[in-house]
C-alpha atoms as a PDB file:
ATOM      1  CA  MET A   1      35.421  29.090 -41.981  1.00  0.00           C
ATOM      2  CA  VAL A   2      37.475  27.154 -39.459  1.00  0.00           C
ATOM      3  CA  LYS A   3      38.553  23.650 -40.478  1.00  0.00           C
ATOM      4  CA  PHE A   4      37.464  20.733 -38.270  1.00  0.00           C
ATOM      5  CA  ASP A   5      36.853  17.011 -38.814  1.00  0.00           C
ATOM      6  CA  CYS A   6      37.001  14.603 -35.881  1.00  0.00           C
ATOM      7  CA  GLY A   7      35.857  11.601 -37.899  1.00  0.00           C
ATOM      8  CA  GLU A   8      32.354  11.581 -36.365  1.00  0.00           C
ATOM      9  CA  PRO A   9      29.859  13.393 -38.646  1.00  0.00           C
ATOM     10  CA  ILE A  10      27.351  14.061 -35.841  1.00  0.00           C
ATOM     11  CA  VAL A  11      30.052  15.741 -33.711  1.00  0.00           C
ATOM     12  CA  ASN A  12      31.330  17.776 -36.682  1.00  0.00           C
ATOM     13  CA  ARG A  13      27.774  18.884 -37.473  1.00  0.00           C
ATOM     14  CA  PHE A  14      27.183  20.036 -33.890  1.00  0.00           C
ATOM     15  CA  LEU A  15      30.267  22.263 -33.932  1.00  0.00           C
ATOM     16  CA  ARG A  16      29.555  23.713 -37.380  1.00  0.00           C
ATOM     17  CA  GLU A  17      25.787  24.129 -37.190  1.00  0.00           C
ATOM     18  CA  GLN A  18      24.522  24.031 -33.618  1.00  0.00           C
ATOM     19  CA  ALA A  19      27.184  25.010 -31.045  1.00  0.00           C
ATOM     20  CA  ALA A  20      26.765  28.784 -31.315  1.00  0.00           C
ATOM     21  CA  TRP A  21      22.972  28.554 -31.146  1.00  0.00           C
ATOM     22  CA  ALA A  22      23.020  26.067 -28.239  1.00  0.00           C
ATOM     23  CA  ASP A  23      25.364  28.423 -26.371  1.00  0.00           C
ATOM     24  CA  HIS A  24      23.127  31.407 -27.149  1.00  0.00           C
ATOM     25  CA  LEU A  25      20.099  29.548 -25.770  1.00  0.00           C
ATOM     26  CA  GLY A  26      22.034  28.527 -22.648  1.00  0.00           C
ATOM     27  CA  ARG A  27      21.712  24.790 -23.375  1.00  0.00           C
ATOM     28  CA  THR A  28      25.471  24.253 -23.541  1.00  0.00           C
ATOM     29  CA  SER A  29      28.704  26.104 -23.041  1.00  0.00           C
ATOM     30  CA  THR A  30      31.194  25.296 -25.790  1.00  0.00           C
ATOM     31  CA  THR A  31      34.950  25.706 -25.417  1.00  0.00           C
ATOM     32  CA  VAL A  32      37.150  25.533 -28.516  1.00  0.00           C
ATOM     33  CA  LEU A  33      40.878  24.846 -28.570  1.00  0.00           C
ATOM     34  CA  GLU A  34      42.360  26.438 -31.691  1.00  0.00           C
ATOM     35  CA  ALA A  35      45.766  25.950 -33.274  1.00  0.00           C
ATOM     36  CA  LYS A  36      48.118  28.911 -33.172  1.00  0.00           C
ATOM     37  CA  ASP A  37      47.267  29.907 -36.744  1.00  0.00           C
ATOM     38  CA  ASP A  38      43.548  30.186 -35.796  1.00  0.00           C
ATOM     39  CA  ARG A  39      42.448  28.379 -38.962  1.00  0.00           C
ATOM     40  CA  LEU A  40      42.276  24.934 -37.431  1.00  0.00           C
ATOM     41  CA  VAL A  41      40.195  23.793 -34.486  1.00  0.00           C
ATOM     42  CA  VAL A  42      42.298  21.317 -32.490  1.00  0.00           C
ATOM     43  CA  GLY A  43      39.267  20.210 -30.476  1.00  0.00           C
ATOM     44  CA  PHE A  44      36.257  21.339 -28.538  1.00  0.00           C
ATOM     45  CA  TYR A  45      33.876  20.357 -25.817  1.00  0.00           C
ATOM     46  CA  ALA A  46      30.384  21.429 -24.837  1.00  0.00           C
ATOM     47  CA  LEU A  47      29.142  21.157 -21.258  1.00  0.00           C
ATOM     48  CA  SER A  48      25.735  21.466 -19.658  1.00  0.00           C
ATOM     49  CA  ALA A  49      24.219  21.153 -16.225  1.00  0.00           C
ATOM     50  CA  SER A  50      22.666  17.749 -15.837  1.00  0.00           C
ATOM     51  CA  ILE A  51      20.999  15.292 -13.545  1.00  0.00           C
ATOM     52  CA  LEU A  52      22.553  11.907 -12.936  1.00  0.00           C
ATOM     53  CA  GLU A  53      19.896   9.318 -12.260  1.00  0.00           C
ATOM     54  CA  VAL A  54      20.732   6.488  -9.896  1.00  0.00           C
ATOM     55  CA  GLN A  55      18.337   3.910 -11.279  1.00  0.00           C
ATOM     56  CA  SER A  56      19.699   0.417 -10.757  1.00  0.00           C
ATOM     57  CA  ALA A  57      21.431  -1.809  -8.256  1.00  0.00           C
ATOM     58  CA  TYR A  58      24.601  -1.311 -10.328  1.00  0.00           C
ATOM     59  CA  ASP A  59      24.313   2.465  -9.789  1.00  0.00           C
ATOM     60  CA  ALA A  60      23.461   2.024  -6.118  1.00  0.00           C
ATOM     61  CA  GLN A  61      26.711   0.131  -5.633  1.00  0.00           C
ATOM     62  CA  MET A  62      28.668   2.892  -7.373  1.00  0.00           C
ATOM     63  CA  PHE A  63      26.991   5.639  -5.324  1.00  0.00           C
ATOM     64  CA  ARG A  64      26.562   3.781  -2.043  1.00  0.00           C
ATOM     65  CA  ASN A  65      28.227   6.665  -0.178  1.00  0.00           C
ATOM     66  CA  LEU A  66      25.365   8.959  -1.312  1.00  0.00           C
ATOM     67  CA  LEU A  67      22.545   6.568  -0.463  1.00  0.00           C
ATOM     68  CA  GLU A  68      21.202   5.936   3.008  1.00  0.00           C
ATOM     69  CA  ASP A  69      19.096   2.999   1.883  1.00  0.00           C
ATOM     70  CA  ALA A  70      19.101   1.251  -1.510  1.00  0.00           C
ATOM     71  CA  SER A  71      15.729  -0.439  -0.954  1.00  0.00           C
ATOM     72  CA  TRP A  72      13.988   2.427  -2.815  1.00  0.00           C
ATOM     73  CA  LEU A  73      15.483   1.246  -6.134  1.00  0.00           C
ATOM     74  CA  SER A  74      12.450  -0.865  -6.967  1.00  0.00           C
ATOM     75  CA  GLN A  75      10.168   2.190  -6.714  1.00  0.00           C
ATOM     76  CA  ALA A  76      12.127   5.314  -7.719  1.00  0.00           C
ATOM     77  CA  ILE A  77      14.957   6.960  -9.572  1.00  0.00           C
ATOM     78  CA  ILE A  78      17.054   9.276  -7.429  1.00  0.00           C
ATOM     79  CA  PRO A  79      18.527  12.377  -9.141  1.00  0.00           C
ATOM     80  CA  TYR A  80      21.885  13.970  -8.307  1.00  0.00           C
ATOM     81  CA  PRO A  81      23.457  17.118  -9.815  1.00  0.00           C
ATOM     82  CA  ALA A  82      26.220  16.551 -12.352  1.00  0.00           C
ATOM     83  CA  ILE A  83      27.918  18.162 -15.316  1.00  0.00           C
ATOM     84  CA  GLU A  84      27.424  16.524 -18.696  1.00  0.00           C
ATOM     85  CA  ILE A  85      29.914  16.489 -21.520  1.00  0.00           C
ATOM     86  CA  THR A  86      27.369  16.876 -24.291  1.00  0.00           C
ATOM     87  CA  TRP A  87      29.942  16.979 -27.103  1.00  0.00           C
ATOM     88  CA  LEU A  88      33.692  16.445 -27.378  1.00  0.00           C
ATOM     89  CA  GLY A  89      35.814  16.114 -30.477  1.00  0.00           C
ATOM     90  CA  VAL A  90      39.438  16.345 -31.588  1.00  0.00           C
ATOM     91  CA  GLU A  91      40.547  17.089 -35.151  1.00  0.00           C
ATOM     92  CA  ARG A  92      41.267  13.750 -36.804  1.00  0.00           C
ATOM     93  CA  SER A  93      44.795  14.744 -37.884  1.00  0.00           C
ATOM     94  CA  LEU A  94      45.600  15.707 -34.268  1.00  0.00           C
ATOM     95  CA  GLN A  95      44.160  12.658 -32.503  1.00  0.00           C
ATOM     96  CA  ASN A  96      46.421  10.376 -30.423  1.00  0.00           C
ATOM     97  CA  GLN A  97      48.549  13.385 -29.458  1.00  0.00           C
ATOM     98  CA  LYS A  98      47.007  13.946 -25.980  1.00  0.00           C
ATOM     99  CA  ASN A  99      44.671  16.714 -27.239  1.00  0.00           C
ATOM    100  CA  GLY A 100      41.580  14.865 -26.001  1.00  0.00           C
ATOM    101  CA  THR A 101      43.237  14.421 -22.617  1.00  0.00           C
ATOM    102  CA  LYS A 102      44.017  18.167 -22.531  1.00  0.00           C
ATOM    103  CA  LEU A 103      40.337  18.883 -23.162  1.00  0.00           C
ATOM    104  CA  ILE A 104      39.214  16.491 -20.410  1.00  0.00           C
ATOM    105  CA  LEU A 105      41.699  17.992 -17.944  1.00  0.00           C
ATOM    106  CA  ASP A 106      40.325  21.433 -18.799  1.00  0.00           C
ATOM    107  CA  ILE A 107      36.823  20.099 -18.124  1.00  0.00           C
ATOM    108  CA  PHE A 108      38.021  18.668 -14.801  1.00  0.00           C
ATOM    109  CA  GLU A 109      39.473  22.063 -13.868  1.00  0.00           C
ATOM    110  CA  GLN A 110      36.244  23.887 -14.786  1.00  0.00           C
ATOM    111  CA  VAL A 111      34.135  21.406 -12.817  1.00  0.00           C
ATOM    112  CA  LEU A 112      36.351  21.818  -9.746  1.00  0.00           C
ATOM    113  CA  ILE A 113      35.972  25.597 -10.031  1.00  0.00           C
ATOM    114  CA  ALA A 114      32.188  25.229 -10.217  1.00  0.00           C
ATOM    115  CA  ARG A 115      32.148  22.818  -7.276  1.00  0.00           C
ATOM    116  CA  PHE A 116      34.557  24.481  -4.871  1.00  0.00           C
ATOM    117  CA  LYS A 117      34.976  28.128  -5.863  1.00  0.00           C
ATOM    118  CA  LEU A 118      31.368  28.726  -6.876  1.00  0.00           C
ATOM    119  CA  ASN A 119      30.004  26.220  -4.322  1.00  0.00           C
ATOM    120  CA  ILE A 120      27.751  24.476  -6.840  1.00  0.00           C
ATOM    121  CA  GLY A 121      26.655  20.973  -5.869  1.00  0.00           C
ATOM    122  CA  ILE A 122      28.076  18.482  -8.370  1.00  0.00           C
ATOM    123  CA  ILE A 123      28.784  14.812  -7.760  1.00  0.00           C
ATOM    124  CA  GLY A 124      30.743  14.344 -10.982  1.00  0.00           C
ATOM    125  CA  ILE A 125      30.742  14.361 -14.760  1.00  0.00           C
ATOM    126  CA  GLN A 126      28.708  12.182 -17.084  1.00  0.00           C
ATOM    127  CA  VAL A 127      28.975  11.516 -20.801  1.00  0.00           C
ATOM    128  CA  ALA A 128      27.198   9.424 -23.422  1.00  0.00           C
ATOM    129  CA  ALA A 129      30.354   7.940 -24.955  1.00  0.00           C
ATOM    130  CA  LEU A 130      30.488   6.757 -28.532  1.00  0.00           C
ATOM    131  CA  PRO A 131      31.751   3.161 -28.843  1.00  0.00           C
ATOM    132  CA  GLY A 132      35.109   4.296 -30.238  1.00  0.00           C
ATOM    133  CA  ALA A 133      35.714   6.550 -27.216  1.00  0.00           C
ATOM    134  CA  LEU A 134      35.095   4.039 -24.399  1.00  0.00           C
ATOM    135  CA  GLU A 135      38.749   3.233 -23.757  1.00  0.00           C
ATOM    136  CA  PHE A 136      39.653   6.955 -23.861  1.00  0.00           C
ATOM    137  CA  TYR A 137      37.127   7.789 -21.140  1.00  0.00           C
ATOM    138  CA  GLN A 138      38.002   4.747 -19.051  1.00  0.00           C
ATOM    139  CA  GLN A 139      41.678   5.773 -19.037  1.00  0.00           C
ATOM    140  CA  LEU A 140      40.557   9.114 -17.567  1.00  0.00           C
ATOM    141  CA  GLY A 141      38.622   7.573 -14.664  1.00  0.00           C
ATOM    142  CA  PHE A 142      35.143   7.242 -16.179  1.00  0.00           C
ATOM    143  CA  GLU A 143      33.045   4.173 -15.355  1.00  0.00           C
ATOM    144  CA  TYR A 144      29.854   2.798 -16.871  1.00  0.00           C
ATOM    145  CA  LEU A 145      26.494   3.925 -15.511  1.00  0.00           C
ATOM    146  CA  HIS A 146      23.448   1.666 -15.088  1.00  0.00           C
ATOM    147  CA  ALA A 147      25.194  -1.599 -16.125  1.00  0.00           C
ATOM    148  CA  ASP A 148      28.556  -3.190 -16.780  1.00  0.00           C
ATOM    149  CA  TYR A 149      28.429  -2.892 -20.565  1.00  0.00           C
ATOM    150  CA  ASP A 150      31.514  -5.073 -20.943  1.00  0.00           C
ATOM    151  CA  THR A 151      29.268  -7.985 -19.887  1.00  0.00           C
ATOM    152  CA  VAL A 152      26.143  -6.893 -21.826  1.00  0.00           C
ATOM    153  CA  PRO A 153      25.915  -8.598 -25.240  1.00  0.00           C
ATOM    154  CA  ALA A 154      24.193  -5.658 -26.995  1.00  0.00           C
ATOM    155  CA  ILE A 155      26.117  -2.944 -28.842  1.00  0.00           C
ATOM    156  CA  LEU A 156      24.759   0.505 -28.044  1.00  0.00           C
ATOM    157  CA  GLU A 157      24.935   3.761 -30.018  1.00  0.00           C
ATOM    158  CA  THR A 158      26.295   5.466 -26.894  1.00  0.00           C
ATOM    159  CA  TYR A 159      27.353   4.243 -23.478  1.00  0.00           C
ATOM    160  CA  PRO A 160      26.463   6.196 -20.336  1.00  0.00           C
ATOM    161  CA  MET A 161      29.625   6.842 -18.328  1.00  0.00           C
ATOM    162  CA  PHE A 162      30.477   8.814 -15.211  1.00  0.00           C
ATOM    163  CA  VAL A 163      33.475  10.006 -13.220  1.00  0.00           C
ATOM    164  CA  LYS A 164      33.004  10.904  -9.558  1.00  0.00           C
ATOM    165  CA  ILE A 165      34.151  14.293  -8.294  1.00  0.00           C
ATOM    166  CA  GLU A 166      36.460  12.449  -5.860  1.00  0.00           C
ATOM    167  CA  VAL A 167      38.209  10.760  -8.798  1.00  0.00           C
ATOM    168  CA  VAL A 168      38.529  14.110 -10.604  1.00  0.00           C
ATOM    169  CA  ILE A 169      40.140  15.614  -7.494  1.00  0.00           C
ATOM    170  CA  GLU A 170      42.549  12.686  -7.169  1.00  0.00           C
ATOM    171  CA  ILE A 171      43.595  12.858 -10.851  1.00  0.00           C
ATOM    172  CA  MET A 172      44.144  16.617 -10.680  1.00  0.00           C
ATOM    173  CA  LYS A 173      46.173  16.290  -7.447  1.00  0.00           C
ATOM    174  CA  ARG A 174      48.291  13.509  -8.947  1.00  0.00           C
ATOM    175  CA  LEU A 175      49.071  15.801 -11.902  1.00  0.00           C
ATOM    176  CA  ASN A 176      49.681  18.774  -9.566  1.00  0.00           C
ATOM    177  CA  LEU A 177      46.805  20.633 -11.223  1.00  0.00           C
ATOM    178  CA  ALA A 178      44.598  20.981  -8.122  1.00  0.00           C
END
């Protein structure tokens, strides 16, 4: 058995009990980063195809370049293709050592391959971020979806966040990875 504890029981449980089955069913694709000795998982992520729903005036502002007319917002939700980070975790003893950033940059690279080499329509990457991961995602270009949760008084279990494909491209170019 491979050792892994990211400090979030639900994330640990997914990797130990559900990742292989979810991959087998085609619900997710899980990538694991192992330490050189192969007995420790440094981190992992699971991705899936997803639909981003533009459903509020806040979203319409964020995606104004995709919308011809925002007047429909009172009547409909408009879907756009995206990739979803369904799970991401880094071994607790290896956190704050840029391992999470390495995983996100790998995700960015895979999404750019899907978008430009495989010609799959994707407007970006979304994630339901745990409260403790908000700053991590924001540092990597992710923004809130549906509302500015910094101004909302409620504390949520997860926060919907999104990074546009244009931002992914810019980050990868800046790092000479694209």
